[in-house]
Amino acid sequence: MLKQRVITALVLLAVLLPALFAPMAWPFAVLTLVMIGAAGWEWARLNGVVGAPAVVLGLVLAAACAAALGAGWVEAAPAMIWWVATLVWVLGGAWALKVGPAGWPGLSKAVRCVLGLVALWTAWLALASAKSSGVNFILSIFCLVWAADIAAYFGGKAFGKRKLALSISPGKSWEGVWSGMFGVIVLSLVWITIDRSVAVDSASLYTRLNQRHGPIGLVLVLIFLAAMSVVGDLVESLAKRAAGAKDSSNLLPGHGGVLDRVDALLPAFPLALAMSSI
């Protein structure tokens, strides 16, 4: 298993890094479009759509992403999209976590599929838009989610006592969530210092938030984004538990599916763009 995980990770990095550091935005947009289409197929299967219809939904999602790319939204997406995504993630995420795996199937299959595909489309558009803003900017959002996850893991191991969502993800604790938030704040301070002392291609998310909202606003927004990355993780875990699945698919040997790797990123990117657009 470890060997598979390492090989898959190396292959993904070999494909993703050249696209990420390419001077043009479209290679990264096209590559992530393919991956998000696969995630759409996974989401459909988790919510009871199987066979050819699931493939069709994945292709529809990819086509919607391609349409946005062709319309020039990668470089200039309407800011309203990020705010609608914020509203959906906050309200919809709260509802999903309240009803849990048992209540999730109570929402019709069609509504669950549509909500998931819209969330995936918005996340892809935010990813592509962040890349067009600069490598430093998009990396700062990626690292926000990764830092929150890593700090939450170690904080939960060391201090975790109170379970966050026992019926959805038994391993997560409130102490882990707080540790993740603290880790993100520390990361932001380091990143802002680097932005000030090193020539970068673009301002990071942290520098933008600090300039627009000040230190207190920066901390509050980062706490919010770290919390929402946890919501993204929990919503995907909820859908898997409701479907009786361990992984979203087996597309990535040793890692599960695409959704398993990007769940926390799905709310973080559009919400980060919303907060930095104020």
Protein backbone atom coordinates (compact mmCIF):
# COMPACT_ATOMS: atom_id res chain seq x y z
CA MET A 1 0.00 0.00 0.00
CA LEU A 2 2.75 2.47 0.92
CA LYS A 3 4.59 1.71 -2.32
CA GLN A 4 1.40 2.34 -4.31
CA ARG A 5 0.79 5.61 -2.49
CA VAL A 6 4.31 6.86 -3.16
CA ILE A 7 4.25 5.90 -6.85
CA THR A 8 0.84 7.49 -7.39
CA ALA A 9 1.93 10.67 -5.59
CA LEU A 10 5.08 10.93 -7.71
CA VAL A 11 3.13 10.45 -10.93
CA LEU A 12 0.60 13.10 -9.90
CA LEU A 13 3.37 15.54 -9.01
CA ALA A 14 5.13 14.89 -12.33
CA VAL A 15 1.93 15.83 -14.14
CA LEU A 16 0.65 18.64 -11.90
CA LEU A 17 3.82 20.62 -11.20
CA PRO A 18 4.65 21.50 -14.84
CA ALA A 19 1.05 22.63 -15.36
CA LEU A 20 1.08 24.62 -12.11
CA PHE A 21 4.29 26.48 -12.97
CA ALA A 22 3.47 26.97 -16.66
CA PRO A 23 3.33 30.69 -17.57
CA MET A 24 -0.12 30.20 -19.12
CA ALA A 25 -3.24 29.40 -17.11
CA TRP A 26 -4.82 26.93 -19.54
CA PRO A 27 -2.59 23.83 -18.99
CA PHE A 28 -3.48 23.76 -15.29
CA ALA A 29 -7.13 24.54 -16.08
CA VAL A 30 -7.39 21.68 -18.58
CA LEU A 31 -5.60 19.18 -16.35
CA THR A 32 -7.75 19.98 -13.32
CA LEU A 33 -10.83 19.95 -15.58
CA VAL A 34 -10.16 16.28 -16.32
CA MET A 35 -9.68 15.52 -12.63
CA ILE A 36 -12.83 17.37 -11.59
CA GLY A 37 -14.81 15.48 -14.24
CA ALA A 38 -13.59 12.25 -12.64
CA ALA A 39 -14.64 13.61 -9.24
CA GLY A 40 -18.10 14.29 -10.71
CA TRP A 41 -18.35 10.64 -11.77
CA GLU A 42 -17.34 9.59 -8.25
CA TRP A 43 -19.91 11.87 -6.65
CA ALA A 44 -22.67 10.49 -8.86
CA ARG A 45 -21.77 6.91 -7.89
CA LEU A 46 -21.70 7.78 -4.18
CA ASN A 47 -25.23 9.12 -4.52
CA GLY A 48 -26.77 6.14 -6.24
CA VAL A 49 -26.15 6.88 -9.93
CA VAL A 50 -24.25 3.99 -11.49
CA GLY A 51 -23.02 2.84 -14.87
CA ALA A 52 -23.34 5.03 -17.96
CA PRO A 53 -25.44 7.78 -16.26
CA ALA A 54 -22.61 8.40 -13.77
CA VAL A 55 -20.14 8.72 -16.65
CA VAL A 56 -22.51 11.13 -18.41
CA LEU A 57 -22.74 13.33 -15.33
CA GLY A 58 -18.95 13.43 -15.09
CA LEU A 59 -18.75 14.45 -18.75
CA VAL A 60 -21.43 17.10 -18.26
CA LEU A 61 -19.42 18.57 -15.41
CA ALA A 62 -16.25 18.58 -17.51
CA ALA A 63 -18.16 20.25 -20.36
CA ALA A 64 -19.46 22.94 -17.97
CA CYS A 65 -15.89 23.61 -16.87
CA ALA A 66 -14.77 23.80 -20.51
CA ALA A 67 -17.58 26.27 -21.22
CA ALA A 68 -16.41 28.52 -18.39
CA LEU A 69 -12.85 28.29 -19.71
CA GLY A 70 -14.01 29.21 -23.21
CA ALA A 71 -16.03 32.13 -21.85
CA GLY A 72 -12.92 33.62 -20.24
CA TRP A 73 -14.17 33.15 -16.69
CA VAL A 74 -10.84 31.68 -15.58
CA GLU A 75 -9.29 35.15 -15.87
CA ALA A 76 -12.38 37.17 -14.89
CA ALA A 77 -15.03 35.13 -13.10
CA PRO A 78 -18.01 37.05 -11.66
CA ALA A 79 -17.35 37.59 -7.93
CA MET A 80 -20.98 36.66 -7.23
CA ILE A 81 -20.09 33.03 -7.95
CA TRP A 82 -17.79 32.93 -4.91
CA TRP A 83 -20.45 34.43 -2.67
CA VAL A 84 -23.13 31.99 -3.83
CA ALA A 85 -20.66 29.17 -3.17
CA THR A 86 -20.03 30.57 0.32
CA LEU A 87 -23.75 30.63 1.09
CA VAL A 88 -24.28 27.10 -0.21
CA TRP A 89 -21.31 25.67 1.69
CA VAL A 90 -22.16 27.37 4.98
CA LEU A 91 -25.88 26.58 4.97
CA GLY A 92 -25.73 23.29 3.08
CA GLY A 93 -22.72 22.08 5.06
CA ALA A 94 -24.45 22.88 8.35
CA TRP A 95 -27.56 21.00 7.25
CA ALA A 96 -25.61 17.96 6.04
CA LEU A 97 -23.63 17.69 9.27
CA LYS A 98 -26.82 18.08 11.30
CA VAL A 99 -28.69 15.24 9.57
CA GLY A 100 -25.63 12.98 9.32
CA PRO A 101 -25.23 9.85 7.19
CA ALA A 102 -28.68 8.56 8.17
CA GLY A 103 -30.46 11.71 7.01
CA TRP A 104 -28.39 12.36 3.88
CA PRO A 105 -30.36 9.95 1.64
CA GLY A 106 -33.52 11.80 2.70
CA LEU A 107 -32.56 14.45 0.17
CA SER A 108 -33.54 13.32 -3.31
CA LYS A 109 -30.86 11.71 -5.46
CA ALA A 110 -31.26 14.40 -8.13
CA VAL A 111 -30.78 17.26 -5.64
CA ARG A 112 -27.72 15.60 -4.09
CA CYS A 113 -26.14 15.10 -7.50
CA VAL A 114 -26.85 18.65 -8.66
CA LEU A 115 -25.53 20.22 -5.46
CA GLY A 116 -22.36 18.15 -5.65
CA LEU A 117 -21.72 18.90 -9.31
CA VAL A 118 -22.27 22.61 -8.77
CA ALA A 119 -19.86 22.56 -5.82
CA LEU A 120 -17.27 20.74 -7.95
CA TRP A 121 -17.71 23.17 -10.86
CA THR A 122 -17.31 26.16 -8.54
CA ALA A 123 -14.24 24.63 -6.94
CA TRP A 124 -12.67 24.01 -10.36
CA LEU A 125 -13.36 27.58 -11.46
CA ALA A 126 -11.84 28.89 -8.24
CA LEU A 127 -8.76 26.68 -8.71
CA ALA A 128 -8.25 27.88 -12.28
CA SER A 129 -8.89 31.51 -11.33
CA ALA A 130 -6.40 31.29 -8.46
CA LYS A 131 -3.78 29.94 -10.87
CA SER A 132 -4.37 32.86 -13.23
CA SER A 133 -3.74 35.20 -10.27
CA GLY A 134 -0.26 33.75 -9.73
CA VAL A 135 1.60 30.71 -8.43
CA ASN A 136 2.27 32.28 -5.02
CA PHE A 137 -1.43 33.01 -4.59
CA ILE A 138 -2.69 29.53 -5.49
CA LEU A 139 0.04 27.81 -3.46
CA SER A 140 -0.91 29.83 -0.40
CA ILE A 141 -4.48 28.43 -0.58
CA PHE A 142 -3.28 24.88 -1.16
CA CYS A 143 -0.95 25.19 1.82
CA LEU A 144 -3.70 26.63 4.01
CA VAL A 145 -5.69 23.42 3.59
CA TRP A 146 -2.65 21.18 3.96
CA ALA A 147 -1.42 23.04 7.06
CA ALA A 148 -4.86 22.85 8.66
CA ASP A 149 -5.01 19.11 7.97
CA ILE A 150 -1.48 18.35 9.22
CA ALA A 151 -1.79 20.49 12.34
CA ALA A 152 -5.23 18.98 13.06
CA TYR A 153 -3.81 15.47 12.76
CA PHE A 154 -0.96 16.03 15.20
CA GLY A 155 -3.02 18.23 17.50
CA GLY A 156 -5.75 15.62 17.60
CA LYS A 157 -3.24 12.88 18.34
CA ALA A 158 -1.72 14.86 21.18
CA PHE A 159 -4.73 16.56 22.73
CA GLY A 160 -7.88 15.08 21.15
CA LYS A 161 -10.57 14.22 23.68
CA ARG A 162 -13.89 15.61 22.45
CA LYS A 163 -15.14 14.06 19.20
CA LEU A 164 -16.16 16.44 16.45
CA ALA A 165 -18.58 14.27 14.45
CA LEU A 166 -18.58 10.72 15.77
CA SER A 167 -21.12 9.34 13.28
CA ILE A 168 -19.26 10.79 10.29
CA SER A 169 -15.53 10.75 11.07
CA PRO A 170 -14.72 9.17 14.46
CA GLY A 171 -11.05 10.17 14.31
CA LYS A 172 -11.68 13.92 14.25
CA SER A 173 -11.75 15.96 17.47
CA TRP A 174 -12.45 19.56 18.41
CA GLU A 175 -8.91 19.85 19.71
CA GLY A 176 -7.68 18.79 16.27
CA VAL A 177 -9.79 21.48 14.61
CA TRP A 178 -8.41 24.17 16.93
CA SER A 179 -4.87 22.94 16.29
CA GLY A 180 -5.51 23.20 12.56
CA MET A 181 -6.69 26.78 12.92
CA PHE A 182 -3.62 27.66 14.96
CA GLY A 183 -1.37 26.03 12.36
CA VAL A 184 -2.92 28.11 9.58
CA ILE A 185 -2.43 31.35 11.52
CA VAL A 186 1.26 30.51 12.10
CA LEU A 187 1.64 29.67 8.40
CA SER A 188 0.11 33.00 7.40
CA LEU A 189 2.59 34.98 9.53
CA VAL A 190 5.52 33.14 7.98
CA TRP A 191 4.13 33.57 4.47
CA ILE A 192 3.49 37.29 4.87
CA THR A 193 7.08 37.73 6.04
CA ILE A 194 8.33 35.87 2.97
CA ASP A 195 6.11 37.97 0.69
CA ARG A 196 7.75 41.10 2.10
CA SER A 197 11.32 39.89 1.76
CA VAL A 198 11.32 37.76 -1.40
CA ALA A 199 10.34 38.66 -4.95
CA VAL A 200 7.19 36.66 -5.78
CA ASP A 201 4.98 36.59 -8.86
CA SER A 202 1.86 37.57 -6.87
CA ALA A 203 0.69 38.43 -3.39
CA SER A 204 -0.35 35.43 -1.34
CA LEU A 205 -3.85 35.02 0.04
CA TYR A 206 -2.49 36.01 3.47
CA THR A 207 -0.93 39.24 2.27
CA ARG A 208 -4.12 40.17 0.43
CA LEU A 209 -6.29 39.48 3.47
CA ASN A 210 -3.94 41.40 5.75
CA GLN A 211 -3.93 44.40 3.42
CA ARG A 212 -7.71 44.43 3.05
CA HIS A 213 -8.90 43.42 6.52
CA GLY A 214 -5.97 44.06 8.86
CA PRO A 215 -4.48 41.56 11.36
CA ILE A 216 -7.73 40.85 13.22
CA GLY A 217 -9.67 40.39 10.00
CA LEU A 218 -6.90 38.13 8.69
CA VAL A 219 -7.13 35.85 11.73
CA LEU A 220 -10.93 35.69 11.61
CA VAL A 221 -10.99 34.84 7.90
CA LEU A 222 -8.32 32.17 8.32
CA ILE A 223 -10.26 30.56 11.17
CA PHE A 224 -13.33 30.53 8.94
CA LEU A 225 -11.47 29.02 5.96
CA ALA A 226 -9.81 26.36 8.12
CA ALA A 227 -13.20 25.45 9.58
CA MET A 228 -14.78 25.20 6.13
CA SER A 229 -11.99 22.94 4.89
CA VAL A 230 -13.02 20.56 7.69
CA VAL A 231 -16.64 20.85 6.52
CA GLY A 232 -15.58 19.82 3.01
CA ASP A 233 -13.82 16.77 4.42
CA LEU A 234 -16.80 15.84 6.59
CA VAL A 235 -19.39 16.22 3.82
CA GLU A 236 -17.47 13.81 1.59
CA SER A 237 -17.06 11.39 4.50
CA LEU A 238 -20.78 11.66 5.17
CA ALA A 239 -21.64 10.79 1.55
CA LYS A 240 -19.28 7.80 1.67
CA ARG A 241 -20.75 6.51 4.93
CA ALA A 242 -24.29 6.90 3.59
CA ALA A 243 -23.24 4.90 0.51
CA GLY A 244 -21.32 2.31 2.56
CA ALA A 245 -18.10 3.09 0.69
CA LYS A 246 -14.60 3.34 2.11
CA ASP A 247 -13.21 5.44 -0.77
CA SER A 248 -14.86 7.54 -3.47
CA SER A 249 -13.28 5.23 -6.11
CA ASN A 250 -10.05 3.40 -6.91
CA LEU A 251 -8.83 5.83 -9.55
CA LEU A 252 -5.70 6.73 -7.56
CA PRO A 253 -4.00 3.52 -6.38
CA GLY A 254 -3.15 3.74 -2.71
CA HIS A 255 -5.08 6.99 -2.30
CA GLY A 256 -8.66 6.08 -3.18
CA GLY A 257 -10.41 8.50 -5.51
CA VAL A 258 -10.07 12.10 -6.63
CA LEU A 259 -12.69 13.25 -4.12
CA ASP A 260 -10.70 11.64 -1.32
CA ARG A 261 -7.78 13.91 -2.17
CA VAL A 262 -9.62 17.18 -2.88
CA ASP A 263 -12.57 17.15 -0.45
CA ALA A 264 -11.13 19.81 1.89
CA LEU A 265 -10.13 21.98 -1.09
CA LEU A 266 -13.65 22.16 -2.52
CA PRO A 267 -15.00 24.84 -0.14
CA ALA A 268 -11.62 26.41 0.62
CA PHE A 269 -10.87 27.76 -2.86
CA PRO A 270 -14.15 29.53 -3.72
CA LEU A 271 -14.49 30.83 -0.16
CA ALA A 272 -10.90 32.11 -0.18
CA LEU A 273 -11.63 34.01 -3.39
CA ALA A 274 -14.81 35.41 -1.84
CA MET A 275 -12.96 36.65 1.23
CA SER A 276 -10.15 38.19 -0.84
CA SER A 277 -12.63 39.92 -3.18
CA ILE A 278 -14.16 42.09 -0.44
